[in-house]
Amino acid sequence: MKLSQILSPVAAAIVLVPAVSSCSDSKTYAELLTDETHYVNSYLADQRVVDAIPADSVFEYGEDAPYYRIDEDGNMYMQVIDPGTPGNDVKSNELIYFRFTRYNLQSYVDGKFLQAEGNDDVLGGNFAFRYGNYELSSSYSYGSGIQKPLEFLPIDCQVNIVIKSQYGMPSEMSNVVPWLYSLRYFRPKF
């Protein structure tokens, strides 16, 4: 046997060992989902939580209002800060502007967040989506979770909403990071 034939398999093994060991250092998707649930539960443990939307759709509201579970699987929880004006309901495909501040739930420690991001404190920093129209990238790029409160509340409401990754921004889904959003919605003024 030639030396080159012996070295080729050895060289291949040396190249594969780091690749295999690097895979074992990363978490599986299932482990990331478990971590995500832990982060959400850690935040909600410090809050009052109601297991469902009120049958009459009359929400408690304000800074001390509970977080309502708004989907069967516990992927979103909403706290109503301001219920908005009755009858000011959104229409399908309507252009809605929104302002937000969001907090990464992984950074929630001892009742506080390390950092916030968003457009709530930026002059002219409104973002927009077409309600329910996920064919438009402008509507889908923020994730479907931010539109969910408008199923229950008028456009001029203000909410805090916990959103797990599968309803978050598509660009962040693979990272499996849950967020807490503080959201306000507006109709365009012409």
N, C-alpha and C. Protein backbone atom coordinates (compact mmCIF):
# COMPACT_ATOMS: atom_id res chain seq x y z
N MET A 1 0.84 -1.18 0.00
CA MET A 1 0.00 0.00 0.00
C MET A 1 0.89 1.24 0.00
N LYS A 2 0.52 2.21 -0.83
CA LYS A 2 1.29 3.44 -0.93
C LYS A 2 0.96 4.36 0.24
N LEU A 3 1.90 5.21 0.59
CA LEU A 3 1.73 6.18 1.68
C LEU A 3 0.56 7.12 1.40
N SER A 4 0.34 7.51 0.16
CA SER A 4 -0.76 8.43 -0.19
C SER A 4 -2.12 7.77 0.05
N GLN A 5 -2.20 6.44 -0.12
CA GLN A 5 -3.47 5.75 0.14
C GLN A 5 -3.75 5.67 1.64
N ILE A 6 -2.72 5.58 2.45
CA ILE A 6 -2.88 5.54 3.90
C ILE A 6 -3.22 6.94 4.43
N LEU A 7 -2.58 7.95 3.90
CA LEU A 7 -2.79 9.31 4.38
C LEU A 7 -4.16 9.87 4.00
N SER A 8 -4.69 9.48 2.86
CA SER A 8 -6.00 10.01 2.45
C SER A 8 -7.08 9.69 3.47
N PRO A 9 -7.25 8.44 3.90
CA PRO A 9 -8.27 8.17 4.91
C PRO A 9 -7.96 8.85 6.25
N VAL A 10 -6.68 8.93 6.61
CA VAL A 10 -6.30 9.58 7.85
C VAL A 10 -6.60 11.08 7.77
N ALA A 11 -6.27 11.68 6.64
CA ALA A 11 -6.54 13.11 6.45
C ALA A 11 -8.05 13.37 6.48
N ALA A 12 -8.81 12.47 5.86
CA ALA A 12 -10.26 12.62 5.87
C ALA A 12 -10.80 12.52 7.29
N ALA A 13 -10.27 11.61 8.07
CA ALA A 13 -10.71 11.45 9.46
C ALA A 13 -10.37 12.69 10.27
N ILE A 14 -9.21 13.27 10.04
CA ILE A 14 -8.81 14.48 10.77
C ILE A 14 -9.74 15.64 10.43
N VAL A 15 -10.15 15.73 9.18
CA VAL A 15 -11.06 16.79 8.75
C VAL A 15 -12.45 16.57 9.34
N LEU A 16 -12.91 15.31 9.41
CA LEU A 16 -14.25 15.02 9.90
C LEU A 16 -14.39 15.16 11.41
N VAL A 17 -13.35 14.90 12.17
CA VAL A 17 -13.44 14.96 13.62
C VAL A 17 -13.89 16.34 14.10
N PRO A 18 -13.28 17.44 13.64
CA PRO A 18 -13.78 18.75 14.09
C PRO A 18 -15.22 19.01 13.66
N ALA A 19 -15.60 18.55 12.47
CA ALA A 19 -16.96 18.78 11.99
C ALA A 19 -17.97 18.04 12.87
N VAL A 20 -17.65 16.80 13.24
CA VAL A 20 -18.55 16.02 14.07
C VAL A 20 -18.61 16.62 15.48
N SER A 21 -17.48 17.00 16.02
CA SER A 21 -17.48 17.54 17.38
C SER A 21 -18.19 18.89 17.44
N SER A 22 -18.13 19.69 16.38
CA SER A 22 -18.82 20.98 16.40
C SER A 22 -20.33 20.79 16.39
N CYS A 23 -20.82 19.74 15.73
CA CYS A 23 -22.25 19.48 15.72
C CYS A 23 -22.74 19.08 17.11
N SER A 24 -21.91 18.33 17.84
CA SER A 24 -22.35 17.88 19.15
C SER A 24 -22.38 19.03 20.16
N ASP A 25 -21.69 20.13 19.88
CA ASP A 25 -21.68 21.28 20.78
C ASP A 25 -22.92 22.14 20.63
N SER A 26 -23.60 22.08 19.49
CA SER A 26 -24.77 22.92 19.27
C SER A 26 -26.02 22.20 19.76
N LYS A 27 -27.07 23.00 20.00
CA LYS A 27 -28.32 22.44 20.49
C LYS A 27 -29.19 21.99 19.33
N THR A 28 -30.00 21.00 19.57
CA THR A 28 -30.97 20.56 18.57
C THR A 28 -32.12 21.56 18.55
N TYR A 29 -32.92 21.48 17.52
CA TYR A 29 -34.08 22.35 17.41
C TYR A 29 -35.04 22.09 18.59
N ALA A 30 -35.21 20.83 18.96
CA ALA A 30 -36.07 20.49 20.10
C ALA A 30 -35.54 21.11 21.39
N GLU A 31 -34.23 21.11 21.58
CA GLU A 31 -33.65 21.73 22.76
C GLU A 31 -33.86 23.25 22.75
N LEU A 32 -33.74 23.86 21.57
CA LEU A 32 -33.99 25.30 21.45
C LEU A 32 -35.44 25.64 21.78
N LEU A 33 -36.38 24.79 21.34
CA LEU A 33 -37.79 25.01 21.66
C LEU A 33 -38.04 24.88 23.16
N THR A 34 -37.37 23.92 23.79
CA THR A 34 -37.49 23.75 25.25
C THR A 34 -36.96 24.99 25.96
N ASP A 35 -35.82 25.49 25.50
CA ASP A 35 -35.26 26.72 26.09
C ASP A 35 -36.23 27.89 25.91
N GLU A 36 -36.81 28.00 24.72
CA GLU A 36 -37.75 29.08 24.44
C GLU A 36 -38.93 29.04 25.41
N THR A 37 -39.48 27.86 25.63
CA THR A 37 -40.58 27.70 26.57
C THR A 37 -40.15 28.10 27.98
N HIS A 38 -38.94 27.74 28.34
CA HIS A 38 -38.40 28.13 29.65
C HIS A 38 -38.33 29.65 29.79
N TYR A 39 -37.84 30.34 28.76
CA TYR A 39 -37.74 31.81 28.82
C TYR A 39 -39.12 32.46 28.95
N VAL A 40 -40.08 31.95 28.17
CA VAL A 40 -41.44 32.50 28.24
C VAL A 40 -42.04 32.25 29.62
N ASN A 41 -41.90 31.02 30.11
CA ASN A 41 -42.46 30.68 31.43
C ASN A 41 -41.79 31.48 32.54
N SER A 42 -40.51 31.73 32.40
CA SER A 42 -39.78 32.52 33.40
C SER A 42 -40.35 33.93 33.47
N TYR A 43 -40.63 34.53 32.32
CA TYR A 43 -41.22 35.87 32.30
C TYR A 43 -42.65 35.84 32.85
N LEU A 44 -43.46 34.89 32.37
CA LEU A 44 -44.86 34.84 32.77
C LEU A 44 -45.03 34.47 34.24
N ALA A 45 -44.05 33.82 34.85
CA ALA A 45 -44.11 33.48 36.27
C ALA A 45 -44.19 34.74 37.13
N ASP A 46 -43.71 35.86 36.61
CA ASP A 46 -43.76 37.13 37.33
C ASP A 46 -45.01 37.95 36.97
N GLN A 47 -45.90 37.38 36.19
CA GLN A 47 -47.09 38.09 35.72
C GLN A 47 -48.34 37.32 36.17
N ARG A 48 -49.46 38.00 36.08
CA ARG A 48 -50.74 37.32 36.27
C ARG A 48 -51.17 36.82 34.89
N VAL A 49 -51.53 35.55 34.78
CA VAL A 49 -51.86 34.95 33.48
C VAL A 49 -53.26 34.35 33.53
N VAL A 50 -54.04 34.63 32.51
CA VAL A 50 -55.37 34.05 32.34
C VAL A 50 -55.28 33.11 31.15
N ASP A 51 -55.89 31.93 31.31
CA ASP A 51 -55.69 30.86 30.34
C ASP A 51 -56.43 31.03 29.01
N ALA A 52 -57.31 32.01 28.90
CA ALA A 52 -58.08 32.17 27.66
C ALA A 52 -58.56 33.61 27.52
N ILE A 53 -58.96 33.94 26.31
CA ILE A 53 -59.58 35.23 26.01
C ILE A 53 -60.96 35.24 26.66
N PRO A 54 -61.39 36.36 27.26
CA PRO A 54 -62.73 36.41 27.85
C PRO A 54 -63.81 36.12 26.80
N ALA A 55 -64.80 35.35 27.17
CA ALA A 55 -65.87 34.99 26.24
C ALA A 55 -66.58 36.22 25.68
N ASP A 56 -66.72 37.26 26.51
CA ASP A 56 -67.39 38.48 26.06
C ASP A 56 -66.42 39.48 25.43
N SER A 57 -65.15 39.11 25.32
CA SER A 57 -64.08 39.95 24.76
C SER A 57 -63.91 41.26 25.52
N VAL A 58 -64.31 41.29 26.77
CA VAL A 58 -64.08 42.46 27.61
C VAL A 58 -62.83 42.14 28.45
N PHE A 59 -61.76 42.83 28.13
CA PHE A 59 -60.47 42.58 28.75
C PHE A 59 -60.24 43.50 29.93
N GLU A 60 -59.58 42.98 30.96
CA GLU A 60 -59.00 43.87 31.96
C GLU A 60 -57.88 44.60 31.24
N TYR A 61 -57.66 45.86 31.61
CA TYR A 61 -56.59 46.58 30.94
C TYR A 61 -55.85 47.48 31.92
N GLY A 62 -54.66 47.89 31.49
CA GLY A 62 -53.79 48.72 32.31
C GLY A 62 -52.50 47.97 32.62
N GLU A 63 -51.61 48.65 33.30
CA GLU A 63 -50.29 48.08 33.60
C GLU A 63 -50.36 46.83 34.48
N ASP A 64 -51.44 46.67 35.26
CA ASP A 64 -51.58 45.52 36.14
C ASP A 64 -52.51 44.46 35.56
N ALA A 65 -52.93 44.62 34.32
CA ALA A 65 -53.84 43.65 33.69
C ALA A 65 -53.11 42.32 33.50
N PRO A 66 -53.87 41.25 33.42
CA PRO A 66 -53.24 39.94 33.21
C PRO A 66 -52.79 39.76 31.76
N TYR A 67 -51.97 38.78 31.56
CA TYR A 67 -51.62 38.32 30.22
C TYR A 67 -52.62 37.23 29.86
N TYR A 68 -53.30 37.40 28.73
CA TYR A 68 -54.26 36.41 28.25
C TYR A 68 -53.58 35.51 27.24
N ARG A 69 -53.74 34.21 27.41
CA ARG A 69 -53.23 33.27 26.39
C ARG A 69 -54.14 33.42 25.18
N ILE A 70 -53.57 33.72 24.01
CA ILE A 70 -54.43 33.99 22.85
C ILE A 70 -54.35 32.92 21.77
N ASP A 71 -53.66 31.83 22.04
CA ASP A 71 -53.73 30.69 21.12
C ASP A 71 -53.69 29.41 21.94
N GLU A 72 -54.21 28.34 21.37
CA GLU A 72 -54.32 27.07 22.08
C GLU A 72 -52.98 26.53 22.59
N ASP A 73 -51.93 26.74 21.83
CA ASP A 73 -50.65 26.13 22.14
C ASP A 73 -49.76 26.97 23.06
N GLY A 74 -50.23 28.13 23.46
CA GLY A 74 -49.45 28.97 24.36
C GLY A 74 -48.25 29.62 23.67
N ASN A 75 -48.42 29.97 22.41
CA ASN A 75 -47.35 30.63 21.66
C ASN A 75 -47.42 32.15 21.76
N MET A 76 -48.57 32.67 22.20
CA MET A 76 -48.74 34.11 22.34
C MET A 76 -49.59 34.43 23.56
N TYR A 77 -49.17 35.45 24.29
CA TYR A 77 -49.88 35.94 25.46
C TYR A 77 -49.97 37.45 25.34
N MET A 78 -51.17 38.00 25.60
CA MET A 78 -51.38 39.43 25.39
C MET A 78 -51.87 40.11 26.67
N GLN A 79 -51.25 41.24 26.98
CA GLN A 79 -51.70 42.11 28.06
C GLN A 79 -52.25 43.39 27.41
N VAL A 80 -53.46 43.76 27.73
CA VAL A 80 -54.09 44.94 27.15
C VAL A 80 -53.76 46.15 28.03
N ILE A 81 -53.04 47.09 27.47
CA ILE A 81 -52.70 48.32 28.19
C ILE A 81 -53.80 49.35 27.98
N ASP A 82 -54.24 49.52 26.74
CA ASP A 82 -55.34 50.43 26.39
C ASP A 82 -56.22 49.70 25.40
N PRO A 83 -57.52 49.48 25.70
CA PRO A 83 -58.37 48.68 24.81
C PRO A 83 -58.80 49.40 23.54
N GLY A 84 -58.50 50.66 23.39
CA GLY A 84 -58.87 51.39 22.18
C GLY A 84 -60.34 51.78 22.15
N THR A 85 -60.76 52.27 20.99
CA THR A 85 -62.12 52.78 20.80
C THR A 85 -63.02 51.70 20.21
N PRO A 86 -64.11 51.35 20.92
CA PRO A 86 -65.01 50.33 20.38
C PRO A 86 -65.51 50.71 18.98
N GLY A 87 -65.56 49.72 18.11
CA GLY A 87 -66.03 49.94 16.74
C GLY A 87 -64.95 50.36 15.76
N ASN A 88 -63.76 50.65 16.25
CA ASN A 88 -62.65 51.08 15.38
C ASN A 88 -61.89 49.84 14.88
N ASP A 89 -62.63 48.90 14.32
CA ASP A 89 -62.07 47.60 13.95
C ASP A 89 -61.32 47.64 12.63
N VAL A 90 -60.37 46.77 12.52
CA VAL A 90 -59.55 46.64 11.32
C VAL A 90 -60.33 45.87 10.24
N LYS A 91 -60.03 46.18 9.00
CA LYS A 91 -60.62 45.47 7.87
C LYS A 91 -59.53 44.66 7.17
N SER A 92 -59.92 43.60 6.54
CA SER A 92 -58.97 42.75 5.82
C SER A 92 -58.19 43.58 4.80
N ASN A 93 -56.90 43.40 4.76
CA ASN A 93 -55.98 44.06 3.83
C ASN A 93 -55.82 45.57 4.11
N GLU A 94 -56.33 46.05 5.23
CA GLU A 94 -56.20 47.46 5.56
C GLU A 94 -54.75 47.77 5.94
N LEU A 95 -54.27 48.93 5.50
CA LEU A 95 -52.93 49.38 5.85
C LEU A 95 -52.93 49.86 7.29
N ILE A 96 -52.06 49.26 8.11
CA ILE A 96 -51.97 49.61 9.52
C ILE A 96 -50.52 49.96 9.84
N TYR A 97 -50.33 51.10 10.47
CA TYR A 97 -49.01 51.48 10.96
C TYR A 97 -48.88 51.00 12.40
N PHE A 98 -47.67 50.70 12.80
CA PHE A 98 -47.46 50.31 14.19
C PHE A 98 -46.12 50.81 14.69
N ARG A 99 -46.08 51.00 15.99
CA ARG A 99 -44.85 51.38 16.69
C ARG A 99 -44.65 50.36 17.78
N PHE A 100 -43.40 50.03 18.05
CA PHE A 100 -43.14 48.98 19.02
C PHE A 100 -41.82 49.19 19.75
N THR A 101 -41.77 48.58 20.90
CA THR A 101 -40.52 48.35 21.62
C THR A 101 -40.55 46.86 21.91
N ARG A 102 -39.43 46.19 21.73
CA ARG A 102 -39.42 44.77 22.02
C ARG A 102 -38.23 44.39 22.88
N TYR A 103 -38.43 43.31 23.61
CA TYR A 103 -37.42 42.83 24.55
C TYR A 103 -37.21 41.33 24.32
N ASN A 104 -35.97 40.93 24.20
CA ASN A 104 -35.62 39.53 24.04
C ASN A 104 -35.85 38.84 25.38
N LEU A 105 -36.73 37.85 25.41
CA LEU A 105 -37.05 37.18 26.68
C LEU A 105 -35.87 36.37 27.22
N GLN A 106 -34.87 36.09 26.40
CA GLN A 106 -33.66 35.43 26.91
C GLN A 106 -32.90 36.34 27.86
N SER A 107 -33.10 37.65 27.72
CA SER A 107 -32.36 38.61 28.54
C SER A 107 -33.11 39.01 29.81
N TYR A 108 -34.24 38.37 30.07
CA TYR A 108 -35.03 38.70 31.26
C TYR A 108 -34.40 38.05 32.48
N VAL A 109 -33.89 38.90 33.38
CA VAL A 109 -33.22 38.41 34.59
C VAL A 109 -33.65 39.28 35.77
N ASP A 110 -34.05 38.64 36.84
CA ASP A 110 -34.44 39.35 38.07
C ASP A 110 -35.47 40.43 37.83
N GLY A 111 -36.45 40.14 36.97
CA GLY A 111 -37.54 41.08 36.73
C GLY A 111 -37.21 42.24 35.81
N LYS A 112 -36.07 42.19 35.13
CA LYS A 112 -35.66 43.29 34.25
C LYS A 112 -35.11 42.74 32.93
N PHE A 113 -35.17 43.62 31.93
CA PHE A 113 -34.59 43.30 30.63
C PHE A 113 -33.28 44.06 30.47
N LEU A 114 -32.35 43.43 29.77
CA LEU A 114 -31.05 44.07 29.57
C LEU A 114 -31.10 45.18 28.53
N GLN A 115 -31.93 45.01 27.51
CA GLN A 115 -31.91 45.96 26.40
C GLN A 115 -33.25 45.93 25.67
N ALA A 116 -33.64 47.06 25.11
CA ALA A 116 -34.85 47.16 24.30
C ALA A 116 -34.47 47.61 22.90
N GLU A 117 -35.30 47.27 21.96
CA GLU A 117 -35.11 47.75 20.59
C GLU A 117 -36.48 48.00 19.98
N GLY A 118 -36.51 48.79 18.93
CA GLY A 118 -37.76 49.06 18.24
C GLY A 118 -37.79 50.43 17.61
N ASN A 119 -39.00 50.87 17.26
CA ASN A 119 -39.15 52.15 16.59
C ASN A 119 -40.03 53.12 17.39
N ASP A 120 -40.33 52.78 18.63
CA ASP A 120 -41.26 53.61 19.39
C ASP A 120 -40.70 54.98 19.74
N ASP A 121 -39.40 55.10 19.82
CA ASP A 121 -38.81 56.39 20.19
C ASP A 121 -38.10 57.07 19.01
N VAL A 122 -38.43 56.64 17.79
CA VAL A 122 -37.82 57.20 16.60
C VAL A 122 -38.84 58.09 15.89
N LEU A 123 -38.51 59.35 15.71
CA LEU A 123 -39.41 60.26 15.03
C LEU A 123 -39.64 59.78 13.60
N GLY A 124 -40.90 59.59 13.24
CA GLY A 124 -41.23 59.13 11.89
C GLY A 124 -40.90 57.66 11.67
N GLY A 125 -40.73 56.91 12.73
CA GLY A 125 -40.31 55.52 12.60
C GLY A 125 -41.44 54.52 12.54
N ASN A 126 -42.54 54.87 11.89
CA ASN A 126 -43.66 53.94 11.77
C ASN A 126 -43.33 52.83 10.78
N PHE A 127 -43.71 51.60 11.14
CA PHE A 127 -43.67 50.47 10.22
C PHE A 127 -45.11 50.17 9.87
N ALA A 128 -45.33 49.42 8.80
CA ALA A 128 -46.70 49.13 8.38
C ALA A 128 -46.83 47.71 7.86
N PHE A 129 -48.08 47.23 7.91
CA PHE A 129 -48.43 45.94 7.31
C PHE A 129 -49.85 46.06 6.76
N ARG A 130 -50.18 45.16 5.89
CA ARG A 130 -51.55 45.03 5.39
C ARG A 130 -52.19 43.90 6.19
N TYR A 131 -53.21 44.23 6.97
CA TYR A 131 -53.79 43.27 7.90
C TYR A 131 -54.26 41.99 7.20
N GLY A 132 -53.71 40.88 7.63
CA GLY A 132 -54.10 39.56 7.13
C GLY A 132 -53.55 39.21 5.76
N ASN A 133 -52.83 40.11 5.11
CA ASN A 133 -52.31 39.85 3.78
C ASN A 133 -50.84 39.43 3.89
N TYR A 134 -50.61 38.13 4.02
CA TYR A 134 -49.25 37.63 4.19
C TYR A 134 -48.58 37.32 2.86
N GLU A 135 -49.24 37.65 1.75
CA GLU A 135 -48.60 37.51 0.45
C GLU A 135 -47.60 38.64 0.22
N LEU A 136 -47.78 39.75 0.92
CA LEU A 136 -46.87 40.88 0.81
C LEU A 136 -45.73 40.70 1.80
N SER A 137 -44.52 40.85 1.34
CA SER A 137 -43.37 40.69 2.24
C SER A 137 -43.40 41.76 3.34
N SER A 138 -43.96 42.93 3.05
CA SER A 138 -44.02 43.97 4.07
C SER A 138 -44.92 43.56 5.23
N SER A 139 -45.92 42.73 4.99
CA SER A 139 -46.79 42.25 6.06
C SER A 139 -46.19 41.04 6.76
N TYR A 140 -45.53 40.19 6.02
CA TYR A 140 -44.99 38.96 6.59
C TYR A 140 -43.65 39.18 7.30
N SER A 141 -42.90 40.20 6.91
CA SER A 141 -41.55 40.38 7.45
C SER A 141 -41.52 40.64 8.95
N TYR A 142 -42.62 41.06 9.54
CA TYR A 142 -42.68 41.30 10.98
C TYR A 142 -43.24 40.10 11.73
N GLY A 143 -43.65 39.07 11.01
CA GLY A 143 -44.26 37.91 11.62
C GLY A 143 -45.75 38.10 11.79
N SER A 144 -46.46 37.01 11.96
CA SER A 144 -47.92 37.09 12.09
C SER A 144 -48.36 37.47 13.50
N GLY A 145 -47.50 37.30 14.48
CA GLY A 145 -47.88 37.55 15.87
C GLY A 145 -48.26 38.98 16.16
N ILE A 146 -47.62 39.93 15.50
CA ILE A 146 -47.93 41.34 15.81
C ILE A 146 -49.32 41.75 15.33
N GLN A 147 -49.90 41.01 14.40
CA GLN A 147 -51.24 41.32 13.91
C GLN A 147 -52.34 40.71 14.77
N LYS A 148 -52.00 39.70 15.55
CA LYS A 148 -52.99 38.92 16.31
C LYS A 148 -53.87 39.77 17.24
N PRO A 149 -53.34 40.75 17.97
CA PRO A 149 -54.22 41.52 18.86
C PRO A 149 -55.39 42.20 18.14
N LEU A 150 -55.22 42.51 16.85
CA LEU A 150 -56.29 43.20 16.12
C LEU A 150 -57.47 42.28 15.81
N GLU A 151 -57.34 40.99 16.06
CA GLU A 151 -58.50 40.09 15.97
C GLU A 151 -59.47 40.35 17.11
N PHE A 152 -58.97 40.89 18.22
CA PHE A 152 -59.76 41.04 19.43
C PHE A 152 -60.02 42.49 19.82
N LEU A 153 -59.18 43.40 19.34
CA LEU A 153 -59.22 44.79 19.81
C LEU A 153 -59.25 45.77 18.64
N PRO A 154 -59.72 47.00 18.88
CA PRO A 154 -59.72 48.03 17.84
C PRO A 154 -58.31 48.48 17.47
N ILE A 155 -58.22 49.21 16.37
CA ILE A 155 -56.93 49.63 15.84
C ILE A 155 -56.15 50.53 16.80
N ASP A 156 -56.81 51.36 17.55
CA ASP A 156 -56.08 52.29 18.41
C ASP A 156 -55.75 51.71 19.79
N CYS A 157 -55.69 50.40 19.88
CA CYS A 157 -55.34 49.76 21.15
C CYS A 157 -53.82 49.81 21.38
N GLN A 158 -53.44 49.51 22.61
CA GLN A 158 -52.03 49.34 22.95
C GLN A 158 -51.92 48.07 23.77
N VAL A 159 -50.98 47.20 23.39
CA VAL A 159 -50.83 45.91 24.07
C VAL A 159 -49.36 45.58 24.30
N ASN A 160 -49.15 44.70 25.25
CA ASN A 160 -47.88 43.99 25.38
C ASN A 160 -48.19 42.56 24.95
N ILE A 161 -47.32 41.98 24.15
CA ILE A 161 -47.58 40.63 23.68
C ILE A 161 -46.29 39.81 23.67
N VAL A 162 -46.39 38.63 24.27
CA VAL A 162 -45.30 37.66 24.24
C VAL A 162 -45.50 36.84 22.97
N ILE A 163 -44.45 36.78 22.14
CA ILE A 163 -44.54 36.07 20.88
C ILE A 163 -43.40 35.06 20.79
N LYS A 164 -43.76 33.78 20.70
CA LYS A 164 -42.74 32.76 20.47
C LYS A 164 -42.28 32.84 19.02
N SER A 165 -41.13 32.26 18.75
CA SER A 165 -40.44 32.42 17.48
C SER A 165 -41.27 32.05 16.26
N GLN A 166 -42.11 31.03 16.34
CA GLN A 166 -42.83 30.61 15.14
C GLN A 166 -43.83 31.65 14.64
N TYR A 167 -44.17 32.63 15.47
CA TYR A 167 -45.04 33.73 15.05
C TYR A 167 -44.29 35.05 14.96
N GLY A 168 -42.96 34.97 15.09
CA GLY A 168 -42.14 36.16 15.03
C GLY A 168 -41.62 36.45 13.64
N MET A 169 -40.60 37.29 13.58
CA MET A 169 -40.01 37.65 12.29
C MET A 169 -39.37 36.43 11.65
N PRO A 170 -39.68 36.16 10.38
CA PRO A 170 -39.11 34.99 9.71
C PRO A 170 -37.59 34.95 9.75
N SER A 171 -36.96 36.10 9.70
CA SER A 171 -35.50 36.14 9.71
C SER A 171 -34.93 35.67 11.05
N GLU A 172 -35.77 35.60 12.07
CA GLU A 172 -35.31 35.21 13.40
C GLU A 172 -35.85 33.86 13.86
N MET A 173 -36.69 33.22 13.06
CA MET A 173 -37.31 31.95 13.47
C MET A 173 -36.28 30.86 13.77
N SER A 174 -35.25 30.78 12.96
CA SER A 174 -34.27 29.71 13.15
C SER A 174 -33.49 29.86 14.45
N ASN A 175 -33.44 31.07 15.00
CA ASN A 175 -32.75 31.29 16.27
C ASN A 175 -33.59 30.89 17.47
N VAL A 176 -34.90 30.68 17.26
CA VAL A 176 -35.86 30.26 18.28
C VAL A 176 -35.77 31.17 19.52
N VAL A 177 -36.03 32.45 19.28
CA VAL A 177 -35.97 33.43 20.36
C VAL A 177 -37.35 34.04 20.57
N PRO A 178 -37.89 33.98 21.79
CA PRO A 178 -39.17 34.63 22.07
C PRO A 178 -38.96 36.10 22.42
N TRP A 179 -39.96 36.93 22.11
CA TRP A 179 -39.87 38.36 22.35
C TRP A 179 -41.11 38.85 23.08
N LEU A 180 -40.94 39.89 23.85
CA LEU A 180 -42.05 40.64 24.42
C LEU A 180 -42.12 41.95 23.64
N TYR A 181 -43.26 42.20 23.02
CA TYR A 181 -43.48 43.43 22.26
C TYR A 181 -44.44 44.34 23.02
N SER A 182 -44.16 45.62 23.01
CA SER A 182 -45.12 46.64 23.41
C SER A 182 -45.53 47.30 22.09
N LEU A 183 -46.81 47.19 21.73
CA LEU A 183 -47.29 47.61 20.40
C LEU A 183 -48.40 48.65 20.49
N ARG A 184 -48.36 49.60 19.55
CA ARG A 184 -49.43 50.57 19.32
C ARG A 184 -49.72 50.56 17.82
N TYR A 185 -51.01 50.65 17.47
CA TYR A 185 -51.42 50.59 16.07
C TYR A 185 -52.10 51.90 15.66
N PHE A 186 -51.98 52.23 14.37
CA PHE A 186 -52.54 53.48 13.85
C PHE A 186 -53.04 53.29 12.42
N ARG A 187 -54.07 54.03 12.06
CA ARG A 187 -54.46 54.15 10.65
C ARG A 187 -53.63 55.28 10.06
N PRO A 188 -53.34 55.21 8.76
CA PRO A 188 -52.62 56.33 8.14
C PRO A 188 -53.50 57.58 8.12
N LYS A 189 -52.87 58.72 8.28
CA LYS A 189 -53.58 60.00 8.22
C LYS A 189 -53.17 60.68 6.92
N PHE A 190 -54.17 60.98 6.11
CA PHE A 190 -53.89 61.61 4.81
C PHE A 190 -54.20 63.07 4.85
